[in-house]
Amino acid sequence: MKNSVLIFSLFKRFIGITFLVLNYLCYGLMVKLAADSSLTANERVIYPALVYAVSWVFVIVGIYLAGPELIAKIKDYFTRIKQRYYKKP
């Protein structure tokens, strides 16, 4: 039973990291779509915007599935930045 929980946790994190990698691949696709001369001007704007929206979905789902440790690290990072720049006198 304990082994299956570990396998499920690792599989969930693997899927989350895969979504995060797909996010970075979306940026290359956006550039390719924006530079494609066979598309009309409207399509060169709309398609990359849709891919950008999908990339944000990949980021959110990837962070959620990658685990609470990753979310805690991101919160800690932004807390440090906030404390550095918004020090109370």
N, C-alpha and C. Protein backbone atom coordinates (compact mmCIF):
# COMPACT_ATOMS: atom_id res chain seq x y z
N MET A 1 0.82 -1.19 0.00
CA MET A 1 0.00 0.00 0.00
C MET A 1 0.86 1.25 0.00
N LYS A 2 1.88 1.28 0.86
CA LYS A 2 2.74 2.45 0.95
C LYS A 2 3.53 2.64 -0.35
N ASN A 3 3.90 1.55 -0.99
CA ASN A 3 4.63 1.62 -2.25
C ASN A 3 3.78 2.24 -3.34
N SER A 4 2.50 1.91 -3.40
CA SER A 4 1.63 2.47 -4.44
C SER A 4 1.42 3.96 -4.24
N VAL A 5 1.39 4.42 -3.00
CA VAL A 5 1.26 5.86 -2.73
C VAL A 5 2.50 6.59 -3.22
N LEU A 6 3.67 6.01 -3.01
CA LEU A 6 4.91 6.62 -3.48
C LEU A 6 4.94 6.68 -5.00
N ILE A 7 4.54 5.60 -5.65
CA ILE A 7 4.52 5.57 -7.12
C ILE A 7 3.55 6.59 -7.66
N PHE A 8 2.37 6.71 -7.04
CA PHE A 8 1.39 7.70 -7.48
C PHE A 8 1.94 9.11 -7.31
N SER A 9 2.61 9.38 -6.20
CA SER A 9 3.19 10.70 -5.95
C SER A 9 4.26 11.04 -6.98
N LEU A 10 5.12 10.09 -7.27
CA LEU A 10 6.17 10.32 -8.27
C LEU A 10 5.58 10.51 -9.67
N PHE A 11 4.55 9.75 -9.99
CA PHE A 11 3.90 9.89 -11.29
C PHE A 11 3.23 11.27 -11.41
N LYS A 12 2.60 11.72 -10.33
CA LYS A 12 1.95 13.03 -10.33
C LYS A 12 2.99 14.13 -10.52
N ARG A 13 4.12 14.02 -9.86
CA ARG A 13 5.18 15.02 -10.02
C ARG A 13 5.77 14.98 -11.42
N PHE A 14 5.91 13.79 -11.98
CA PHE A 14 6.42 13.67 -13.35
C PHE A 14 5.48 14.37 -14.33
N ILE A 15 4.18 14.16 -14.17
CA ILE A 15 3.20 14.81 -15.04
C ILE A 15 3.28 16.33 -14.85
N GLY A 16 3.43 16.82 -13.62
CA GLY A 16 3.55 18.24 -13.36
C GLY A 16 4.78 18.85 -14.02
N ILE A 17 5.89 18.17 -13.93
CA ILE A 17 7.12 18.66 -14.56
C ILE A 17 6.97 18.63 -16.08
N THR A 18 6.27 17.63 -16.60
CA THR A 18 6.01 17.57 -18.04
C THR A 18 5.20 18.77 -18.49
N PHE A 19 4.20 19.17 -17.71
CA PHE A 19 3.42 20.35 -18.04
C PHE A 19 4.29 21.61 -18.01
N LEU A 20 5.21 21.69 -17.08
CA LEU A 20 6.10 22.85 -17.02
C LEU A 20 7.03 22.90 -18.24
N VAL A 21 7.49 21.75 -18.69
CA VAL A 21 8.32 21.70 -19.90
C VAL A 21 7.49 22.09 -21.12
N LEU A 22 6.25 21.62 -21.19
CA LEU A 22 5.37 21.99 -22.30
C LEU A 22 5.13 23.50 -22.34
N ASN A 23 5.13 24.14 -21.18
CA ASN A 23 4.98 25.58 -21.14
C ASN A 23 6.10 26.26 -21.92
N TYR A 24 7.33 25.82 -21.71
CA TYR A 24 8.46 26.42 -22.41
C TYR A 24 8.42 26.12 -23.91
N LEU A 25 7.91 24.97 -24.28
CA LEU A 25 7.79 24.64 -25.70
C LEU A 25 6.74 25.50 -26.38
N CYS A 26 5.77 25.97 -25.63
CA CYS A 26 4.73 26.83 -26.20
C CYS A 26 5.31 28.14 -26.72
N TYR A 27 6.35 28.65 -26.08
CA TYR A 27 6.93 29.91 -26.52
C TYR A 27 7.56 29.78 -27.91
N GLY A 28 8.19 28.67 -28.18
CA GLY A 28 8.72 28.44 -29.52
C GLY A 28 7.62 28.35 -30.55
N LEU A 29 6.53 27.70 -30.19
CA LEU A 29 5.39 27.60 -31.09
C LEU A 29 4.78 28.97 -31.36
N MET A 30 4.73 29.83 -30.34
CA MET A 30 4.19 31.18 -30.54
C MET A 30 5.04 31.95 -31.54
N VAL A 31 6.35 31.86 -31.44
CA VAL A 31 7.23 32.56 -32.38
C VAL A 31 7.04 32.01 -33.78
N LYS A 32 6.93 30.70 -33.91
CA LYS A 32 6.74 30.09 -35.23
C LYS A 32 5.42 30.55 -35.85
N LEU A 33 4.37 30.59 -35.07
CA LEU A 33 3.08 31.03 -35.59
C LEU A 33 3.09 32.51 -35.95
N ALA A 34 3.76 33.34 -35.17
CA ALA A 34 3.81 34.76 -35.46
C ALA A 34 4.63 35.06 -36.71
N ALA A 35 5.59 34.21 -37.02
CA ALA A 35 6.45 34.43 -38.17
C ALA A 35 5.99 33.70 -39.43
N ASP A 36 4.93 32.93 -39.34
CA ASP A 36 4.45 32.14 -40.48
C ASP A 36 3.79 33.06 -41.50
N SER A 37 4.36 33.13 -42.69
CA SER A 37 3.84 34.04 -43.71
C SER A 37 2.60 33.50 -44.41
N SER A 38 2.28 32.24 -44.24
CA SER A 38 1.09 31.69 -44.88
C SER A 38 -0.18 32.05 -44.12
N LEU A 39 -0.06 32.56 -42.91
CA LEU A 39 -1.22 32.97 -42.13
C LEU A 39 -1.55 34.44 -42.39
N THR A 40 -2.82 34.79 -42.21
CA THR A 40 -3.20 36.19 -42.34
C THR A 40 -2.72 36.96 -41.11
N ALA A 41 -2.83 38.27 -41.19
CA ALA A 41 -2.36 39.11 -40.08
C ALA A 41 -3.15 38.83 -38.80
N ASN A 42 -4.45 38.65 -38.93
CA ASN A 42 -5.27 38.35 -37.75
C ASN A 42 -4.90 37.00 -37.15
N GLU A 43 -4.66 36.01 -38.00
CA GLU A 43 -4.29 34.68 -37.50
C GLU A 43 -2.94 34.72 -36.81
N ARG A 44 -2.03 35.57 -37.30
CA ARG A 44 -0.71 35.67 -36.68
C ARG A 44 -0.77 36.32 -35.31
N VAL A 45 -1.86 36.98 -34.99
CA VAL A 45 -2.04 37.56 -33.67
C VAL A 45 -2.87 36.63 -32.77
N ILE A 46 -3.94 36.08 -33.33
CA ILE A 46 -4.87 35.28 -32.53
C ILE A 46 -4.26 33.95 -32.10
N TYR A 47 -3.63 33.23 -33.02
CA TYR A 47 -3.09 31.91 -32.68
C TYR A 47 -2.01 31.96 -31.59
N PRO A 48 -1.03 32.88 -31.69
CA PRO A 48 -0.06 32.95 -30.59
C PRO A 48 -0.70 33.37 -29.26
N ALA A 49 -1.74 34.21 -29.31
CA ALA A 49 -2.42 34.58 -28.07
C ALA A 49 -3.11 33.37 -27.44
N LEU A 50 -3.70 32.52 -28.25
CA LEU A 50 -4.32 31.30 -27.73
C LEU A 50 -3.28 30.35 -27.15
N VAL A 51 -2.15 30.23 -27.83
CA VAL A 51 -1.07 29.37 -27.32
C VAL A 51 -0.53 29.94 -26.01
N TYR A 52 -0.46 31.26 -25.90
CA TYR A 52 -0.02 31.90 -24.66
C TYR A 52 -0.96 31.56 -23.51
N ALA A 53 -2.26 31.60 -23.78
CA ALA A 53 -3.25 31.25 -22.74
C ALA A 53 -3.10 29.79 -22.33
N VAL A 54 -2.88 28.92 -23.29
CA VAL A 54 -2.69 27.49 -22.99
C VAL A 54 -1.41 27.30 -22.18
N SER A 55 -0.38 28.09 -22.47
CA SER A 55 0.87 27.95 -21.72
C SER A 55 0.67 28.31 -20.25
N TRP A 56 -0.20 29.27 -19.95
CA TRP A 56 -0.49 29.60 -18.56
C TRP A 56 -1.24 28.48 -17.88
N VAL A 57 -2.11 27.81 -18.61
CA VAL A 57 -2.80 26.64 -18.05
C VAL A 57 -1.77 25.56 -17.71
N PHE A 58 -0.81 25.35 -18.62
CA PHE A 58 0.25 24.38 -18.36
C PHE A 58 1.04 24.74 -17.11
N VAL A 59 1.33 26.03 -16.91
CA VAL A 59 2.10 26.46 -15.74
C VAL A 59 1.33 26.18 -14.46
N ILE A 60 0.06 26.58 -14.44
CA ILE A 60 -0.73 26.42 -13.23
C ILE A 60 -0.92 24.95 -12.88
N VAL A 61 -1.27 24.13 -13.87
CA VAL A 61 -1.46 22.70 -13.63
C VAL A 61 -0.13 22.04 -13.26
N GLY A 62 0.94 22.45 -13.93
CA GLY A 62 2.25 21.88 -13.63
C GLY A 62 2.71 22.17 -12.23
N ILE A 63 2.51 23.41 -11.78
CA ILE A 63 2.90 23.75 -10.41
C ILE A 63 2.04 23.00 -9.40
N TYR A 64 0.75 22.89 -9.70
CA TYR A 64 -0.14 22.17 -8.77
C TYR A 64 0.26 20.70 -8.66
N LEU A 65 0.58 20.07 -9.79
CA LEU A 65 0.91 18.65 -9.76
C LEU A 65 2.34 18.37 -9.32
N ALA A 66 3.24 19.32 -9.51
CA ALA A 66 4.64 19.08 -9.16
C ALA A 66 4.84 18.95 -7.66
N GLY A 67 3.93 19.48 -6.90
CA GLY A 67 4.00 19.24 -5.47
C GLY A 67 4.01 20.49 -4.62
N PRO A 68 3.66 20.31 -3.37
CA PRO A 68 3.62 21.45 -2.45
C PRO A 68 5.01 22.01 -2.16
N GLU A 69 6.05 21.21 -2.33
CA GLU A 69 7.40 21.71 -2.07
C GLU A 69 7.76 22.80 -3.06
N LEU A 70 7.38 22.61 -4.32
CA LEU A 70 7.66 23.61 -5.34
C LEU A 70 6.88 24.89 -5.06
N ILE A 71 5.63 24.76 -4.67
CA ILE A 71 4.81 25.93 -4.34
C ILE A 71 5.39 26.65 -3.13
N ALA A 72 5.85 25.93 -2.14
CA ALA A 72 6.46 26.54 -0.95
C ALA A 72 7.74 27.29 -1.32
N LYS A 73 8.54 26.73 -2.21
CA LYS A 73 9.76 27.41 -2.64
C LYS A 73 9.45 28.69 -3.38
N ILE A 74 8.44 28.67 -4.23
CA ILE A 74 8.05 29.87 -4.97
C ILE A 74 7.54 30.94 -4.01
N LYS A 75 6.70 30.54 -3.04
CA LYS A 75 6.21 31.51 -2.05
C LYS A 75 7.35 32.09 -1.24
N ASP A 76 8.31 31.27 -0.85
CA ASP A 76 9.46 31.75 -0.09
C ASP A 76 10.29 32.73 -0.91
N TYR A 77 10.47 32.44 -2.18
CA TYR A 77 11.24 33.32 -3.06
C TYR A 77 10.58 34.69 -3.17
N PHE A 78 9.26 34.72 -3.41
CA PHE A 78 8.58 36.00 -3.54
C PHE A 78 8.48 36.73 -2.21
N THR A 79 8.42 36.01 -1.11
CA THR A 79 8.42 36.64 0.21
C THR A 79 9.75 37.34 0.46
N ARG A 80 10.85 36.70 0.09
CA ARG A 80 12.16 37.33 0.24
C ARG A 80 12.29 38.57 -0.62
N ILE A 81 11.80 38.51 -1.85
CA ILE A 81 11.85 39.68 -2.73
C ILE A 81 11.01 40.81 -2.15
N LYS A 82 9.83 40.46 -1.67
CA LYS A 82 8.95 41.48 -1.10
C LYS A 82 9.59 42.12 0.13
N GLN A 83 10.21 41.33 0.97
CA GLN A 83 10.87 41.87 2.16
C GLN A 83 12.06 42.74 1.79
N ARG A 84 12.76 42.38 0.74
CA ARG A 84 13.93 43.14 0.33
C ARG A 84 13.54 44.52 -0.18
N TYR A 85 12.49 44.59 -0.98
CA TYR A 85 12.13 45.86 -1.61
C TYR A 85 11.12 46.69 -0.84
N TYR A 86 10.38 46.07 0.04
CA TYR A 86 9.36 46.79 0.79
C TYR A 86 9.64 46.75 2.28
N LYS A 87 10.85 47.12 2.65
CA LYS A 87 11.23 47.16 4.05
C LYS A 87 10.49 48.30 4.75
N LYS A 88 10.00 48.01 5.93
CA LYS A 88 9.34 49.06 6.71
C LYS A 88 10.40 49.85 7.47
N PRO A 89 10.32 51.17 7.41
CA PRO A 89 11.34 51.99 8.10
C PRO A 89 11.21 51.96 9.59
